[in-house]
N, C-alpha and C. Protein backbone atom coordinates (compact mmCIF):
# COMPACT_ATOMS: atom_id res chain seq x y z
N MET A 1 65.92 -55.66 -21.14
CA MET A 1 65.99 -56.52 -20.39
C MET A 1 68.03 -56.37 -19.75
N LYS A 2 68.08 -56.35 -18.52
CA LYS A 2 69.93 -56.38 -18.24
C LYS A 2 70.35 -57.23 -18.08
N LEU A 3 71.61 -57.57 -17.67
CA LEU A 3 72.72 -58.71 -17.22
C LEU A 3 73.40 -57.93 -16.80
N TRP A 4 72.90 -58.29 -15.15
CA TRP A 4 74.12 -57.62 -14.12
C TRP A 4 74.99 -58.67 -13.49
N ARG A 5 75.56 -57.73 -13.38
CA ARG A 5 77.09 -58.97 -12.06
C ARG A 5 76.78 -58.41 -10.96
N VAL A 6 75.92 -59.94 -9.71
CA VAL A 6 75.55 -59.38 -8.43
C VAL A 6 76.98 -59.02 -7.67
N GLN A 7 77.73 -59.22 -7.75
CA GLN A 7 79.05 -59.19 -6.88
C GLN A 7 79.02 -57.28 -6.66
N ASP A 8 79.08 -56.63 -7.92
CA ASP A 8 79.60 -55.48 -7.89
C ASP A 8 78.27 -54.42 -7.89
N GLY A 9 77.36 -54.93 -8.61
CA GLY A 9 76.30 -54.12 -9.27
C GLY A 9 76.53 -53.89 -10.55
N THR A 10 77.52 -54.33 -11.41
CA THR A 10 77.91 -53.97 -12.77
C THR A 10 76.95 -54.03 -13.85
N CYS A 11 76.26 -53.28 -14.86
CA CYS A 11 75.36 -53.90 -15.78
C CYS A 11 76.16 -54.30 -17.03
N LEU A 12 76.21 -55.98 -17.08
CA LEU A 12 77.01 -56.00 -18.46
C LEU A 12 76.52 -56.32 -19.63
N PHE A 13 75.21 -55.98 -19.86
CA PHE A 13 74.62 -56.30 -20.83
C PHE A 13 72.97 -55.42 -21.05
N THR A 14 72.94 -55.01 -22.18
CA THR A 14 71.46 -54.10 -22.25
C THR A 14 70.95 -54.84 -23.54
N TRP A 15 69.67 -56.04 -23.37
CA TRP A 15 68.65 -56.32 -24.93
C TRP A 15 68.01 -55.03 -24.88
N ASP A 16 67.63 -54.31 -26.03
CA ASP A 16 66.19 -53.50 -26.69
C ASP A 16 64.97 -54.85 -26.94
N PHE A 17 63.81 -54.55 -26.73
CA PHE A 17 62.85 -55.44 -27.28
C PHE A 17 61.86 -54.14 -27.29
N PRO A 18 60.90 -54.27 -28.39
CA PRO A 18 59.80 -53.45 -29.01
C PRO A 18 58.72 -53.94 -28.08
N THR A 19 58.38 -54.59 -27.42
CA THR A 19 57.45 -54.63 -25.93
C THR A 19 57.99 -55.09 -24.68
N ALA A 20 57.29 -55.42 -23.97
CA ALA A 20 57.94 -55.52 -22.41
C ALA A 20 58.44 -56.99 -22.65
N VAL A 21 59.25 -57.43 -21.27
CA VAL A 21 59.53 -58.53 -21.26
C VAL A 21 58.74 -59.20 -19.74
N LYS A 22 57.99 -59.85 -19.87
CA LYS A 22 57.16 -60.64 -18.73
C LYS A 22 57.87 -61.35 -17.93
N ARG A 23 58.90 -62.21 -18.30
CA ARG A 23 59.42 -63.21 -17.65
C ARG A 23 60.98 -63.41 -17.85
N VAL A 24 62.10 -63.84 -17.12
CA VAL A 24 63.03 -64.17 -17.51
C VAL A 24 63.60 -65.52 -16.79
N GLU A 25 63.95 -66.17 -17.21
CA GLU A 25 65.03 -67.76 -16.61
C GLU A 25 66.27 -67.77 -16.95
N PHE A 26 67.01 -67.87 -15.74
CA PHE A 26 68.34 -68.39 -16.27
C PHE A 26 68.32 -70.11 -16.46
N SER A 27 68.79 -70.73 -17.19
CA SER A 27 69.19 -72.13 -17.15
C SER A 27 70.16 -72.73 -16.25
N GLU A 28 69.77 -74.06 -16.17
CA GLU A 28 70.04 -74.44 -15.03
C GLU A 28 71.93 -74.59 -14.64
N ASP A 29 72.72 -74.60 -16.06
CA ASP A 29 73.74 -74.33 -16.09
C ASP A 29 74.29 -72.78 -15.71
N GLY A 30 73.44 -71.82 -16.07
CA GLY A 30 73.57 -70.71 -16.12
C GLY A 30 74.22 -69.96 -17.56
N ASN A 31 74.18 -70.70 -18.39
CA ASN A 31 75.03 -70.25 -19.97
C ASN A 31 73.81 -70.04 -20.94
N LYS A 32 72.79 -69.97 -20.42
CA LYS A 32 71.44 -69.72 -21.48
C LYS A 32 70.70 -68.62 -20.31
N LEU A 33 69.79 -67.78 -21.07
CA LEU A 33 68.65 -66.94 -20.61
C LEU A 33 67.61 -67.12 -21.40
N LEU A 34 66.32 -67.27 -20.97
CA LEU A 34 65.45 -66.95 -21.69
C LEU A 34 64.40 -65.96 -21.22
N CYS A 35 63.74 -65.51 -22.51
CA CYS A 35 62.61 -64.38 -21.59
C CYS A 35 61.41 -64.55 -22.68
N VAL A 36 60.30 -63.96 -21.87
CA VAL A 36 59.08 -63.96 -22.68
C VAL A 36 58.59 -62.30 -23.00
N THR A 37 58.29 -62.11 -24.41
CA THR A 37 58.38 -60.89 -24.69
C THR A 37 56.52 -60.51 -25.00
N GLU A 38 56.01 -59.88 -24.47
CA GLU A 38 54.72 -59.21 -24.66
C GLU A 38 54.11 -59.28 -25.87
N GLN A 39 52.97 -59.64 -26.43
CA GLN A 39 52.64 -59.33 -27.57
C GLN A 39 51.50 -58.29 -27.47
N ARG A 40 51.99 -57.16 -27.98
CA ARG A 40 51.52 -55.58 -28.40
C ARG A 40 51.64 -54.81 -29.17
N MET A 41 51.03 -53.53 -29.40
CA MET A 41 51.16 -52.59 -30.67
C MET A 41 51.85 -53.37 -31.96
N GLY A 42 51.04 -54.60 -32.39
CA GLY A 42 51.32 -55.19 -33.99
C GLY A 42 52.67 -55.87 -33.57
N HIS A 43 53.26 -56.35 -32.61
CA HIS A 43 54.24 -57.10 -32.08
C HIS A 43 53.95 -58.82 -31.65
N ILE A 44 54.41 -59.60 -32.22
CA ILE A 44 54.04 -61.00 -31.81
C ILE A 44 54.92 -61.07 -30.20
N GLY A 45 54.32 -61.91 -29.52
CA GLY A 45 55.16 -62.41 -28.58
C GLY A 45 55.78 -63.28 -28.62
N THR A 46 57.17 -63.39 -28.03
CA THR A 46 57.99 -64.46 -28.34
C THR A 46 58.74 -64.97 -27.33
N VAL A 47 59.31 -65.89 -27.26
CA VAL A 47 60.36 -66.63 -26.10
C VAL A 47 61.61 -66.99 -26.92
N ASN A 48 62.57 -65.64 -26.70
CA ASN A 48 63.86 -66.00 -26.90
C ASN A 48 64.75 -66.48 -26.19
N VAL A 49 66.10 -67.11 -26.72
CA VAL A 49 66.61 -67.75 -25.67
C VAL A 49 68.18 -67.19 -26.30
N TYR A 50 69.32 -66.67 -25.20
CA TYR A 50 70.35 -65.74 -25.27
C TYR A 50 71.20 -66.97 -25.16
N ALA A 51 72.74 -67.02 -25.26
CA ALA A 51 73.74 -67.59 -24.87
C ALA A 51 74.27 -66.56 -23.93
N ILE A 52 74.90 -66.77 -22.88
CA ILE A 52 75.10 -66.40 -21.59
C ILE A 52 76.71 -65.96 -21.87
N GLU A 53 77.63 -64.91 -22.43
CA GLU A 53 78.93 -65.44 -22.57
C GLU A 53 79.88 -64.74 -21.37
N ASP A 54 80.62 -65.42 -20.86
CA ASP A 54 81.17 -65.35 -19.82
C ASP A 54 82.81 -64.74 -20.03
N GLY A 55 83.03 -63.55 -19.72
CA GLY A 55 83.96 -63.05 -19.86
C GLY A 55 84.39 -62.51 -21.41
N THR A 56 83.52 -62.82 -22.22
CA THR A 56 83.84 -62.11 -23.51
C THR A 56 82.61 -61.18 -23.76
N GLU A 57 82.71 -60.62 -25.26
CA GLU A 57 81.63 -59.40 -25.38
C GLU A 57 80.39 -60.36 -25.58
N GLN A 58 79.26 -59.87 -24.85
CA GLN A 58 77.96 -60.51 -24.89
C GLN A 58 77.22 -60.23 -26.55
N SER A 59 77.01 -61.39 -27.10
CA SER A 59 75.65 -60.92 -28.20
C SER A 59 74.63 -60.59 -28.42
N SER A 60 73.81 -59.49 -28.68
CA SER A 60 72.54 -59.14 -28.75
C SER A 60 71.73 -60.48 -29.53
N ASP A 61 72.02 -61.19 -30.68
CA ASP A 61 71.32 -62.10 -31.65
C ASP A 61 71.14 -63.15 -30.40
N PRO A 62 69.50 -63.42 -30.30
CA PRO A 62 69.10 -64.59 -29.46
C PRO A 62 69.93 -66.31 -30.47
N MET A 63 69.80 -66.68 -29.74
CA MET A 63 70.19 -68.37 -30.22
C MET A 63 69.19 -68.50 -30.87
N ILE A 64 68.01 -68.57 -30.27
CA ILE A 64 66.56 -68.91 -31.07
C ILE A 64 65.53 -67.89 -30.41
N VAL A 65 64.20 -67.64 -31.59
CA VAL A 65 63.12 -67.06 -31.03
C VAL A 65 61.88 -68.09 -31.66
N ILE A 66 60.93 -67.78 -30.58
CA ILE A 66 59.77 -68.98 -30.97
C ILE A 66 58.92 -68.12 -30.82
N PRO A 67 58.08 -68.07 -31.78
CA PRO A 67 56.84 -66.56 -31.75
C PRO A 67 55.81 -67.50 -31.01
N THR A 68 55.20 -67.10 -30.24
CA THR A 68 53.77 -67.09 -30.11
C THR A 68 52.74 -66.74 -30.43
N GLN A 69 52.03 -67.12 -31.67
CA GLN A 69 51.12 -66.39 -32.02
C GLN A 69 49.47 -66.91 -31.89
N GLU A 70 49.78 -68.31 -31.94
CA GLU A 70 48.49 -68.68 -31.71
C GLU A 70 47.51 -67.90 -30.42
N SER A 71 48.14 -68.33 -29.21
CA SER A 71 47.99 -67.77 -28.08
C SER A 71 49.31 -67.13 -27.36
N LYS A 72 49.38 -66.08 -27.05
CA LYS A 72 50.59 -65.38 -26.32
C LYS A 72 50.71 -66.29 -24.97
N ALA A 73 52.55 -66.49 -25.00
CA ALA A 73 52.64 -67.22 -23.80
C ALA A 73 52.65 -65.83 -22.83
N THR A 74 52.39 -66.47 -21.70
CA THR A 74 52.46 -65.48 -20.31
C THR A 74 53.25 -66.01 -19.29
N VAL A 75 53.97 -66.86 -19.54
CA VAL A 75 55.04 -67.53 -18.29
C VAL A 75 56.09 -68.78 -19.53
N ALA A 76 56.90 -68.95 -19.30
CA ALA A 76 57.72 -69.71 -19.53
C ALA A 76 59.44 -70.17 -18.99
N GLY A 77 59.55 -71.40 -18.78
CA GLY A 77 60.72 -71.79 -18.06
C GLY A 77 61.31 -72.82 -18.78
N TRP A 78 62.44 -73.44 -18.05
CA TRP A 78 63.34 -74.72 -18.40
C TRP A 78 62.67 -75.91 -17.89
N SER A 79 62.88 -76.99 -18.42
CA SER A 79 62.53 -78.25 -18.00
C SER A 79 63.83 -78.25 -17.61
N PHE A 80 63.73 -79.52 -16.84
CA PHE A 80 65.05 -80.48 -16.08
C PHE A 80 65.91 -80.79 -16.95
N LEU A 81 67.37 -80.44 -16.93
CA LEU A 81 68.39 -79.97 -17.53
C LEU A 81 68.37 -79.32 -18.74
N ASP A 82 67.23 -78.83 -18.46
CA ASP A 82 67.37 -77.16 -19.84
C ASP A 82 67.14 -78.29 -21.36
N LYS A 83 66.30 -79.77 -21.22
CA LYS A 83 66.27 -80.33 -22.48
C LYS A 83 64.87 -79.61 -23.50
N TYR A 84 63.94 -78.97 -22.64
CA TYR A 84 62.93 -78.15 -23.39
C TYR A 84 62.57 -76.98 -22.61
N ILE A 85 61.85 -76.25 -23.39
CA ILE A 85 61.34 -74.89 -22.61
C ILE A 85 59.45 -75.27 -22.50
N ILE A 86 58.88 -74.93 -21.46
CA ILE A 86 57.75 -75.21 -21.34
C ILE A 86 56.77 -73.95 -20.99
N MET A 87 55.85 -73.69 -22.18
CA MET A 87 54.91 -72.17 -21.75
C MET A 87 54.05 -72.16 -21.42
N GLY A 88 53.27 -71.60 -21.00
CA GLY A 88 52.10 -71.45 -20.34
C GLY A 88 51.25 -70.23 -21.19
N HIS A 89 50.14 -70.64 -21.95
CA HIS A 89 49.73 -69.51 -22.77
C HIS A 89 48.38 -69.29 -21.94
N GLU A 90 48.14 -67.49 -22.86
CA GLU A 90 46.87 -67.16 -22.22
C GLU A 90 45.48 -67.93 -22.18
N ASN A 91 45.34 -68.65 -23.36
CA ASN A 91 44.19 -69.65 -23.57
C ASN A 91 44.13 -70.57 -22.55
N GLY A 92 45.20 -70.84 -22.00
CA GLY A 92 45.20 -72.29 -20.83
C GLY A 92 45.85 -73.58 -20.89
N MET A 93 46.61 -73.40 -22.73
CA MET A 93 47.20 -74.20 -23.23
C MET A 93 48.70 -74.08 -22.63
N VAL A 94 49.48 -75.44 -22.31
CA VAL A 94 50.40 -75.45 -22.22
C VAL A 94 51.16 -75.93 -23.30
N SER A 95 52.58 -75.90 -23.72
CA SER A 95 53.10 -76.38 -25.01
C SER A 95 54.92 -76.99 -24.13
N GLN A 96 55.49 -77.52 -25.08
CA GLN A 96 56.77 -78.06 -24.63
C GLN A 96 57.63 -78.13 -25.73
N TRP A 97 58.26 -77.03 -25.77
CA TRP A 97 59.41 -77.18 -27.03
C TRP A 97 60.64 -77.48 -26.79
N ASP A 98 61.12 -77.91 -28.03
CA ASP A 98 62.64 -78.63 -28.01
C ASP A 98 63.05 -77.29 -28.43
N TRP A 99 63.75 -76.57 -27.76
CA TRP A 99 64.28 -75.14 -28.14
C TRP A 99 65.56 -75.39 -29.33
N LYS A 100 66.31 -76.52 -28.89
CA LYS A 100 67.58 -76.43 -29.86
C LYS A 100 67.17 -76.44 -31.67
N VAL A 101 65.94 -77.21 -31.74
CA VAL A 101 65.31 -76.77 -32.94
C VAL A 101 64.16 -76.40 -33.46
N SER A 102 63.78 -75.69 -32.58
CA SER A 102 62.66 -74.50 -32.40
C SER A 102 61.19 -75.53 -33.03
N LEU A 103 61.20 -76.45 -32.33
CA LEU A 103 60.16 -77.54 -32.48
C LEU A 103 59.04 -78.02 -31.42
N CYS A 104 57.71 -77.38 -31.71
CA CYS A 104 56.52 -78.10 -30.55
C CYS A 104 56.27 -79.19 -30.54
N VAL A 105 56.80 -79.72 -29.25
CA VAL A 105 56.62 -81.57 -29.13
C VAL A 105 55.80 -81.81 -28.46
N GLY A 106 54.81 -80.98 -27.81
CA GLY A 106 53.87 -81.30 -26.83
C GLY A 106 52.73 -80.19 -26.87
N GLU A 107 51.51 -80.39 -26.66
CA GLU A 107 50.91 -79.27 -25.98
C GLU A 107 49.75 -80.38 -25.28
């Protein structure tokens, strides 16, 4: 996954994952980024949240990693005001996560 400065096409940072990234979304304030990784080749699918560092060195470490072992997440996005992460799963389930504490608060 790459972070680009769209004004001039500069690649600001590259994150590497063992499987494909299926979805990426910026938070409403633009300070966070979430991505959904594929469950394949013995790797579990995850939803990762990264802080976007403006003007400083970007960290490769996620703020939080949410594993999706029961049924892989096929899509995820931020709720209103970035309070929760809403995930859609391969088995049709929808889950809501309090991403700040990595806790599923609804299915």
